[in-house]
N, C-alpha and C. Protein backbone atom coordinates (compact mmCIF):
# COMPACT_ATOMS: atom_id res chain seq x y z
N MET A 1 0.86 -1.17 0.00
CA MET A 1 0.00 0.00 0.00
C MET A 1 0.91 1.23 0.00
N ASN A 2 0.58 2.22 -0.83
CA ASN A 2 1.43 3.41 -0.85
C ASN A 2 1.08 4.33 0.32
N ASP A 3 1.99 5.28 0.57
CA ASP A 3 1.83 6.18 1.72
C ASP A 3 0.51 6.94 1.70
N ALA A 4 0.12 7.45 0.52
CA ALA A 4 -1.11 8.25 0.46
C ALA A 4 -2.33 7.43 0.86
N LYS A 5 -2.42 6.20 0.39
CA LYS A 5 -3.55 5.34 0.77
C LYS A 5 -3.54 5.07 2.26
N PHE A 6 -2.36 4.78 2.79
CA PHE A 6 -2.23 4.51 4.22
C PHE A 6 -2.70 5.70 5.05
N TYR A 7 -2.20 6.88 4.72
CA TYR A 7 -2.56 8.07 5.48
C TYR A 7 -4.02 8.45 5.30
N PHE A 8 -4.56 8.26 4.10
CA PHE A 8 -5.96 8.59 3.89
C PHE A 8 -6.86 7.66 4.71
N ALA A 9 -6.53 6.38 4.74
CA ALA A 9 -7.31 5.44 5.55
C ALA A 9 -7.22 5.80 7.03
N ASN A 10 -6.04 6.19 7.48
CA ASN A 10 -5.88 6.61 8.87
C ASN A 10 -6.63 7.90 9.16
N LEU A 11 -6.65 8.80 8.20
CA LEU A 11 -7.42 10.03 8.37
C LEU A 11 -8.90 9.69 8.54
N GLY A 12 -9.39 8.76 7.74
CA GLY A 12 -10.78 8.32 7.89
C GLY A 12 -11.06 7.78 9.27
N ALA A 13 -10.13 6.99 9.81
CA ALA A 13 -10.28 6.45 11.17
C ALA A 13 -10.27 7.58 12.20
N ASP A 14 -9.41 8.57 11.99
CA ASP A 14 -9.38 9.72 12.90
C ASP A 14 -10.71 10.46 12.88
N VAL A 15 -11.28 10.64 11.70
CA VAL A 15 -12.56 11.33 11.57
C VAL A 15 -13.67 10.53 12.25
N VAL A 16 -13.65 9.22 12.10
CA VAL A 16 -14.66 8.39 12.77
C VAL A 16 -14.52 8.50 14.28
N ARG A 17 -13.28 8.58 14.78
CA ARG A 17 -13.09 8.79 16.22
C ARG A 17 -13.65 10.15 16.66
N CYS A 18 -13.49 11.15 15.81
CA CYS A 18 -14.06 12.47 16.11
C CYS A 18 -15.58 12.38 16.22
N ILE A 19 -16.18 11.69 15.29
CA ILE A 19 -17.64 11.53 15.28
C ILE A 19 -18.10 10.80 16.53
N SER A 20 -17.41 9.73 16.86
CA SER A 20 -17.77 8.95 18.05
C SER A 20 -17.69 9.82 19.31
N ALA A 21 -16.65 10.62 19.40
CA ALA A 21 -16.50 11.49 20.56
C ALA A 21 -17.62 12.51 20.63
N LEU A 22 -17.98 13.09 19.49
CA LEU A 22 -19.06 14.07 19.47
C LEU A 22 -20.39 13.42 19.86
N GLN A 23 -20.64 12.23 19.35
CA GLN A 23 -21.89 11.55 19.65
C GLN A 23 -22.02 11.20 21.12
N SER A 24 -20.87 10.97 21.78
CA SER A 24 -20.92 10.65 23.20
C SER A 24 -20.79 11.90 24.08
N GLY A 25 -20.63 13.06 23.43
CA GLY A 25 -20.55 14.31 24.17
C GLY A 25 -19.20 14.56 24.82
N ASN A 26 -18.18 13.84 24.39
CA ASN A 26 -16.85 13.96 24.98
C ASN A 26 -16.02 14.94 24.16
N ILE A 27 -16.09 16.20 24.49
CA ILE A 27 -15.43 17.26 23.73
C ILE A 27 -13.91 17.14 23.82
N ALA A 28 -13.38 16.76 24.96
CA ALA A 28 -11.93 16.61 25.10
C ALA A 28 -11.41 15.52 24.15
N ARG A 29 -12.13 14.40 24.08
CA ARG A 29 -11.73 13.33 23.17
C ARG A 29 -11.88 13.77 21.71
N TYR A 30 -12.92 14.55 21.43
CA TYR A 30 -13.11 15.08 20.08
C TYR A 30 -11.92 15.96 19.69
N GLU A 31 -11.54 16.86 20.57
CA GLU A 31 -10.43 17.77 20.26
C GLU A 31 -9.13 17.01 20.08
N ASP A 32 -8.91 15.97 20.88
CA ASP A 32 -7.72 15.13 20.74
C ASP A 32 -7.73 14.40 19.40
N SER A 33 -8.88 13.85 19.05
CA SER A 33 -9.00 13.13 17.77
C SER A 33 -8.86 14.08 16.58
N LEU A 34 -9.39 15.28 16.72
CA LEU A 34 -9.26 16.27 15.65
C LEU A 34 -7.80 16.68 15.47
N ALA A 35 -7.09 16.84 16.56
CA ALA A 35 -5.65 17.17 16.48
C ALA A 35 -4.90 16.04 15.79
N ARG A 36 -5.26 14.80 16.12
CA ARG A 36 -4.63 13.64 15.47
C ARG A 36 -4.96 13.64 13.98
N ALA A 37 -6.20 13.97 13.63
CA ALA A 37 -6.59 14.01 12.22
C ALA A 37 -5.79 15.07 11.47
N ARG A 38 -5.56 16.19 12.09
CA ARG A 38 -4.77 17.25 11.44
C ARG A 38 -3.32 16.82 11.24
N LYS A 39 -2.77 16.07 12.20
CA LYS A 39 -1.42 15.54 12.04
C LYS A 39 -1.37 14.53 10.91
N THR A 40 -2.39 13.70 10.83
CA THR A 40 -2.46 12.71 9.75
C THR A 40 -2.59 13.43 8.41
N LEU A 41 -3.37 14.49 8.37
CA LEU A 41 -3.51 15.27 7.14
C LEU A 41 -2.16 15.85 6.71
N ALA A 42 -1.38 16.32 7.67
CA ALA A 42 -0.04 16.83 7.36
C ALA A 42 0.84 15.73 6.77
N SER A 43 0.73 14.52 7.30
CA SER A 43 1.48 13.39 6.76
C SER A 43 1.00 13.05 5.35
N LEU A 44 -0.28 13.18 5.14
CA LEU A 44 -0.84 12.93 3.81
C LEU A 44 -0.30 13.95 2.81
N ARG A 45 -0.18 15.17 3.24
CA ARG A 45 0.38 16.21 2.37
C ARG A 45 1.83 15.90 2.02
N ALA A 46 2.58 15.41 3.01
CA ALA A 46 3.99 15.07 2.79
C ALA A 46 4.15 13.88 1.84
N ALA A 47 3.09 13.11 1.64
CA ALA A 47 3.14 11.97 0.73
C ALA A 47 3.17 12.41 -0.73
N LYS A 48 3.04 13.71 -0.95
CA LYS A 48 3.15 14.31 -2.29
C LYS A 48 2.11 13.76 -3.28
N ARG A 49 0.90 13.63 -2.78
CA ARG A 49 -0.24 13.29 -3.63
C ARG A 49 -1.28 14.37 -3.38
N PRO A 50 -1.17 15.49 -4.11
CA PRO A 50 -2.04 16.64 -3.83
C PRO A 50 -3.53 16.31 -3.90
N GLU A 51 -3.90 15.39 -4.77
CA GLU A 51 -5.32 15.06 -4.87
C GLU A 51 -5.81 14.36 -3.61
N ALA A 52 -4.97 13.53 -3.01
CA ALA A 52 -5.34 12.86 -1.75
C ALA A 52 -5.42 13.88 -0.61
N TYR A 53 -4.49 14.81 -0.62
CA TYR A 53 -4.50 15.86 0.40
C TYR A 53 -5.77 16.70 0.29
N GLU A 54 -6.14 17.06 -0.93
CA GLU A 54 -7.37 17.84 -1.14
C GLU A 54 -8.59 17.07 -0.67
N GLU A 55 -8.62 15.77 -0.94
CA GLU A 55 -9.75 14.96 -0.47
C GLU A 55 -9.76 14.90 1.06
N GLY A 56 -8.59 14.88 1.67
CA GLY A 56 -8.51 14.90 3.12
C GLY A 56 -9.05 16.19 3.70
N LEU A 57 -8.71 17.30 3.06
CA LEU A 57 -9.28 18.59 3.48
C LEU A 57 -10.80 18.58 3.40
N LEU A 58 -11.31 18.02 2.32
CA LEU A 58 -12.76 17.92 2.16
C LEU A 58 -13.39 17.04 3.24
N LEU A 59 -12.68 15.98 3.61
CA LEU A 59 -13.17 15.10 4.66
C LEU A 59 -13.31 15.84 5.99
N LEU A 60 -12.30 16.64 6.33
CA LEU A 60 -12.39 17.42 7.57
C LEU A 60 -13.45 18.51 7.47
N SER A 61 -13.59 19.11 6.31
CA SER A 61 -14.67 20.10 6.13
C SER A 61 -16.03 19.44 6.27
N GLY A 62 -16.15 18.25 5.70
CA GLY A 62 -17.40 17.50 5.80
C GLY A 62 -17.76 17.19 7.24
N LEU A 63 -16.74 16.89 8.04
CA LEU A 63 -16.97 16.63 9.46
C LEU A 63 -17.59 17.86 10.13
N GLU A 64 -17.05 19.01 9.84
CA GLU A 64 -17.59 20.24 10.45
C GLU A 64 -19.01 20.52 9.97
N TYR A 65 -19.26 20.32 8.68
CA TYR A 65 -20.63 20.53 8.17
C TYR A 65 -21.60 19.54 8.81
N ALA A 66 -21.18 18.28 8.91
CA ALA A 66 -22.05 17.26 9.52
C ALA A 66 -22.32 17.59 10.98
N ARG A 67 -21.33 18.10 11.66
CA ARG A 67 -21.49 18.50 13.06
C ARG A 67 -22.50 19.64 13.17
N GLU A 68 -22.35 20.65 12.33
CA GLU A 68 -23.24 21.81 12.37
C GLU A 68 -24.67 21.46 11.99
N ASP A 69 -24.83 20.51 11.05
CA ASP A 69 -26.16 20.15 10.56
C ASP A 69 -26.77 18.95 11.28
N ASP A 70 -26.09 18.46 12.33
CA ASP A 70 -26.56 17.30 13.08
C ASP A 70 -26.76 16.09 12.16
N GLN A 71 -25.77 15.84 11.31
CA GLN A 71 -25.81 14.73 10.37
C GLN A 71 -24.63 13.78 10.58
N LEU A 72 -24.17 13.67 11.82
CA LEU A 72 -22.98 12.87 12.10
C LEU A 72 -23.17 11.39 11.78
N GLU A 73 -24.33 10.86 12.08
CA GLU A 73 -24.56 9.43 11.83
C GLU A 73 -24.46 9.11 10.34
N SER A 74 -25.09 9.91 9.53
CA SER A 74 -25.04 9.71 8.09
C SER A 74 -23.62 9.90 7.56
N PHE A 75 -22.94 10.92 8.05
CA PHE A 75 -21.57 11.19 7.62
C PHE A 75 -20.66 10.03 8.02
N GLN A 76 -20.84 9.50 9.21
CA GLN A 76 -20.01 8.38 9.65
C GLN A 76 -20.18 7.17 8.73
N SER A 77 -21.40 6.91 8.34
CA SER A 77 -21.66 5.80 7.43
C SER A 77 -20.92 6.00 6.11
N ASN A 78 -20.95 7.21 5.60
CA ASN A 78 -20.27 7.51 4.35
C ASN A 78 -18.75 7.42 4.49
N VAL A 79 -18.21 7.90 5.60
CA VAL A 79 -16.77 7.82 5.83
C VAL A 79 -16.34 6.37 5.95
N ASN A 80 -17.12 5.56 6.66
CA ASN A 80 -16.80 4.14 6.78
C ASN A 80 -16.77 3.46 5.42
N ALA A 81 -17.73 3.76 4.59
CA ALA A 81 -17.78 3.16 3.26
C ALA A 81 -16.58 3.60 2.41
N LEU A 82 -16.24 4.86 2.52
CA LEU A 82 -15.11 5.39 1.75
C LEU A 82 -13.80 4.76 2.20
N THR A 83 -13.54 4.74 3.47
CA THR A 83 -12.25 4.24 3.95
C THR A 83 -12.14 2.72 3.87
N ALA A 84 -13.25 2.03 3.87
CA ALA A 84 -13.21 0.56 3.74
C ALA A 84 -12.58 0.16 2.42
N SER A 85 -12.72 0.99 1.41
CA SER A 85 -12.15 0.66 0.11
C SER A 85 -10.62 0.66 0.14
N PHE A 86 -10.02 1.23 1.18
CA PHE A 86 -8.57 1.26 1.31
C PHE A 86 -8.03 0.11 2.16
N SER A 87 -8.93 -0.67 2.73
CA SER A 87 -8.50 -1.77 3.60
C SER A 87 -8.13 -2.99 2.77
N PRO A 88 -6.97 -3.59 3.06
CA PRO A 88 -6.58 -4.79 2.33
C PRO A 88 -7.44 -6.00 2.71
N LEU A 89 -8.26 -5.86 3.74
CA LEU A 89 -9.10 -6.96 4.18
C LEU A 89 -10.43 -7.02 3.46
N VAL A 90 -10.77 -5.96 2.74
CA VAL A 90 -12.06 -5.90 2.05
C VAL A 90 -11.96 -6.55 0.69
């Protein structure tokens, strides 16, 4: 698996952790997961695949929109489906 795929899949996992924290009302865990997601995004950028980095930015933007619109459950389902395609087990 190349670096961009690895980091994008990890970014998806970070976003799902953010969603889980928000759904449980744990803001400290959300902020920690969001910080981890931003670090993963930086690693994705360093992988020199600008299209993957742009998709990562969109993923984090989508998280904020889903949070504001109370659509976290639907967004989580979509993130899970997207990142599953990067798993070697699927």
